[in-house]
């Protein structure tokens, strides 16, 4: 189960795939993932992990609650 906190980009992509998202696809400034009519941009932090605040924004855009995230 992932905790709601800093996470490696690779792990974020794997967990989003488990939740039904496809991708990442390239386009624009950032890659993106799709699930139905939901499109989320995936950051590429060049150093370090995706932080807690950015993770929260990504999950909010994806319609994933903190509880759903931690149940994975």
N, C-alpha and C. Protein backbone atom coordinates (compact mmCIF):
# COMPACT_ATOMS: atom_id res chain seq x y z
N UNK A 1 0.83 -1.18 0.00
CA UNK A 1 0.00 0.00 0.00
C UNK A 1 0.88 1.25 0.00
N UNK A 2 0.64 2.14 -0.96
CA UNK A 2 1.43 3.38 -0.96
C UNK A 2 0.92 4.33 0.12
N UNK A 3 1.84 4.98 0.78
CA UNK A 3 1.43 5.99 1.74
C UNK A 3 1.20 7.29 0.99
N UNK A 4 0.45 8.17 1.60
CA UNK A 4 0.20 9.47 0.98
C UNK A 4 1.36 10.38 1.32
N UNK A 5 2.36 10.35 0.49
CA UNK A 5 3.56 11.14 0.72
C UNK A 5 4.44 11.09 -0.51
N UNK A 6 5.67 11.55 -0.39
CA UNK A 6 6.57 11.53 -1.55
C UNK A 6 6.66 10.14 -2.17
N UNK A 7 6.67 10.11 -3.50
CA UNK A 7 6.67 8.84 -4.22
C UNK A 7 7.53 8.98 -5.48
N UNK A 8 8.18 7.92 -5.86
CA UNK A 8 8.97 7.92 -7.09
C UNK A 8 8.01 7.96 -8.29
N UNK A 9 8.43 8.62 -9.33
CA UNK A 9 7.59 8.76 -10.53
C UNK A 9 7.21 7.39 -11.09
N UNK A 10 8.16 6.48 -11.13
CA UNK A 10 7.91 5.14 -11.65
C UNK A 10 6.80 4.43 -10.85
N UNK A 11 6.85 4.57 -9.53
CA UNK A 11 5.83 3.95 -8.68
C UNK A 11 4.47 4.61 -8.89
N UNK A 12 4.46 5.94 -9.05
CA UNK A 12 3.21 6.66 -9.31
C UNK A 12 2.55 6.13 -10.58
N UNK A 13 3.34 5.94 -11.63
CA UNK A 13 2.79 5.43 -12.89
C UNK A 13 2.22 4.03 -12.71
N UNK A 14 2.92 3.18 -11.98
CA UNK A 14 2.44 1.82 -11.76
C UNK A 14 1.12 1.81 -10.98
N UNK A 15 1.01 2.63 -9.94
CA UNK A 15 -0.23 2.67 -9.16
C UNK A 15 -1.38 3.24 -9.98
N UNK A 16 -1.12 4.24 -10.80
CA UNK A 16 -2.18 4.79 -11.64
C UNK A 16 -2.66 3.75 -12.66
N UNK A 17 -1.75 2.95 -13.18
CA UNK A 17 -2.15 1.87 -14.10
C UNK A 17 -3.05 0.86 -13.38
N UNK A 18 -2.74 0.55 -12.14
CA UNK A 18 -3.59 -0.35 -11.36
C UNK A 18 -5.00 0.19 -11.20
N UNK A 19 -5.11 1.52 -11.18
CA UNK A 19 -6.41 2.17 -11.04
C UNK A 19 -7.11 2.37 -12.38
N UNK A 20 -6.55 1.84 -13.46
CA UNK A 20 -7.22 1.86 -14.75
C UNK A 20 -6.75 2.92 -15.73
N UNK A 21 -5.72 3.67 -15.40
CA UNK A 21 -5.22 4.68 -16.32
C UNK A 21 -4.29 4.04 -17.33
N UNK A 22 -4.29 4.58 -18.55
CA UNK A 22 -3.43 4.09 -19.62
C UNK A 22 -2.39 5.15 -19.94
N UNK A 23 -1.21 4.71 -20.32
CA UNK A 23 -0.16 5.65 -20.69
C UNK A 23 1.07 5.39 -19.85
N UNK A 24 1.95 6.29 -19.79
CA UNK A 24 1.86 7.68 -20.21
C UNK A 24 2.11 7.86 -21.70
N UNK A 25 1.43 8.86 -22.25
CA UNK A 25 1.60 9.25 -23.63
C UNK A 25 2.32 10.59 -23.65
N UNK A 26 3.11 10.82 -24.67
CA UNK A 26 3.81 12.10 -24.76
C UNK A 26 2.93 13.11 -25.47
N UNK A 27 3.12 14.36 -25.09
CA UNK A 27 2.36 15.43 -25.71
C UNK A 27 2.46 16.69 -24.88
N UNK A 28 2.62 17.80 -25.53
CA UNK A 28 2.73 19.06 -24.80
C UNK A 28 4.01 19.10 -23.99
N UNK A 29 3.96 19.76 -22.84
CA UNK A 29 5.14 19.88 -22.00
C UNK A 29 5.35 18.68 -21.10
N UNK A 30 4.27 17.94 -20.80
CA UNK A 30 4.37 16.81 -19.89
C UNK A 30 3.65 15.60 -20.48
N UNK A 31 4.12 14.40 -20.13
CA UNK A 31 3.37 13.21 -20.51
C UNK A 31 2.02 13.22 -19.80
N UNK A 32 1.07 12.43 -20.31
CA UNK A 32 -0.25 12.37 -19.69
C UNK A 32 -0.76 10.94 -19.69
N UNK A 33 -1.73 10.68 -18.81
CA UNK A 33 -2.38 9.38 -18.73
C UNK A 33 -3.88 9.60 -18.87
N UNK A 34 -4.57 8.59 -19.39
CA UNK A 34 -5.99 8.71 -19.68
C UNK A 34 -6.76 7.55 -19.06
N UNK A 35 -7.96 7.87 -18.55
CA UNK A 35 -8.92 6.87 -18.09
C UNK A 35 -10.29 7.42 -18.45
N UNK A 36 -10.91 6.84 -19.47
CA UNK A 36 -12.20 7.36 -19.93
C UNK A 36 -12.05 8.79 -20.42
N UNK A 37 -12.81 9.71 -19.80
CA UNK A 37 -12.70 11.11 -20.20
C UNK A 37 -11.82 11.92 -19.26
N UNK A 38 -11.09 11.25 -18.37
CA UNK A 38 -10.17 11.93 -17.45
C UNK A 38 -8.76 11.88 -18.01
N UNK A 39 -8.14 13.03 -18.12
CA UNK A 39 -6.75 13.14 -18.57
C UNK A 39 -5.95 13.84 -17.48
N UNK A 40 -4.86 13.23 -17.05
CA UNK A 40 -4.02 13.85 -16.04
C UNK A 40 -2.60 14.00 -16.57
N UNK A 41 -2.00 15.13 -16.25
CA UNK A 41 -0.61 15.39 -16.62
C UNK A 41 0.30 14.74 -15.58
N UNK A 42 1.38 14.15 -16.05
CA UNK A 42 2.33 13.48 -15.17
C UNK A 42 3.63 14.29 -15.15
N UNK A 43 4.03 14.75 -13.98
CA UNK A 43 5.26 15.53 -13.89
C UNK A 43 6.49 14.64 -14.07
N UNK A 44 7.59 15.27 -14.40
CA UNK A 44 8.85 14.56 -14.52
C UNK A 44 9.86 15.27 -13.62
N UNK A 45 9.82 14.97 -12.32
CA UNK A 45 10.78 15.64 -11.43
C UNK A 45 12.19 15.14 -11.74
N UNK A 46 13.04 16.03 -12.16
CA UNK A 46 14.37 15.63 -12.60
C UNK A 46 15.25 15.21 -11.43
N UNK A 47 14.92 15.69 -10.27
CA UNK A 47 15.66 15.28 -9.07
C UNK A 47 14.66 14.97 -7.98
N UNK A 48 14.77 13.82 -7.39
CA UNK A 48 13.92 13.48 -6.27
C UNK A 48 12.59 12.88 -6.68
N UNK A 49 11.69 12.86 -5.71
CA UNK A 49 10.39 12.22 -5.87
C UNK A 49 9.30 13.25 -6.13
N UNK A 50 8.11 12.74 -6.48
CA UNK A 50 6.92 13.59 -6.58
C UNK A 50 6.50 13.86 -5.14
N UNK A 51 6.44 15.12 -4.77
CA UNK A 51 6.13 15.50 -3.39
C UNK A 51 4.67 15.29 -3.02
N UNK A 52 4.40 15.40 -1.74
CA UNK A 52 3.06 15.18 -1.20
C UNK A 52 2.04 16.15 -1.79
N UNK A 53 2.40 17.42 -1.91
CA UNK A 53 1.46 18.42 -2.44
C UNK A 53 1.11 18.14 -3.90
N UNK A 54 2.13 17.84 -4.70
CA UNK A 54 1.90 17.54 -6.11
C UNK A 54 1.12 16.24 -6.27
N UNK A 55 1.41 15.25 -5.45
CA UNK A 55 0.66 13.99 -5.48
C UNK A 55 -0.81 14.27 -5.19
N UNK A 56 -1.08 15.12 -4.21
CA UNK A 56 -2.47 15.46 -3.88
C UNK A 56 -3.20 16.10 -5.05
N UNK A 57 -2.51 17.00 -5.77
CA UNK A 57 -3.13 17.65 -6.94
C UNK A 57 -3.41 16.64 -8.05
N UNK A 58 -2.47 15.72 -8.28
CA UNK A 58 -2.65 14.70 -9.31
C UNK A 58 -3.84 13.80 -8.97
N UNK A 59 -3.92 13.36 -7.73
CA UNK A 59 -5.01 12.48 -7.31
C UNK A 59 -6.36 13.20 -7.38
N UNK A 60 -6.39 14.47 -7.03
CA UNK A 60 -7.63 15.25 -7.11
C UNK A 60 -8.10 15.33 -8.56
N UNK A 61 -7.19 15.59 -9.49
CA UNK A 61 -7.54 15.65 -10.91
C UNK A 61 -8.04 14.29 -11.40
N UNK A 62 -7.46 13.22 -10.86
CA UNK A 62 -7.83 11.87 -11.29
C UNK A 62 -9.10 11.37 -10.61
N UNK A 63 -9.62 12.12 -9.63
CA UNK A 63 -10.82 11.70 -8.92
C UNK A 63 -10.56 10.57 -7.95
N UNK A 64 -9.35 10.49 -7.42
CA UNK A 64 -8.96 9.43 -6.49
C UNK A 64 -8.87 10.03 -5.09
N UNK A 65 -9.57 9.43 -4.14
CA UNK A 65 -9.50 9.93 -2.77
C UNK A 65 -8.24 9.41 -2.08
N UNK A 66 -7.89 10.07 -1.01
CA UNK A 66 -6.71 9.65 -0.23
C UNK A 66 -6.90 8.22 0.28
N UNK A 67 -8.12 7.90 0.71
CA UNK A 67 -8.40 6.54 1.22
C UNK A 67 -8.25 5.50 0.11
N UNK A 68 -8.79 5.80 -1.08
CA UNK A 68 -8.64 4.86 -2.21
C UNK A 68 -7.17 4.65 -2.55
N UNK A 69 -6.39 5.72 -2.48
CA UNK A 69 -4.96 5.64 -2.78
C UNK A 69 -4.25 4.73 -1.79
N UNK A 70 -4.54 4.86 -0.52
CA UNK A 70 -3.83 4.10 0.51
C UNK A 70 -4.30 2.65 0.57
N UNK A 71 -5.45 2.33 -0.03
CA UNK A 71 -5.95 0.95 -0.04
C UNK A 71 -5.21 0.10 -1.08
N UNK A 72 -4.69 0.77 -2.13
CA UNK A 72 -3.96 0.02 -3.16
C UNK A 72 -3.06 -0.93 -2.51
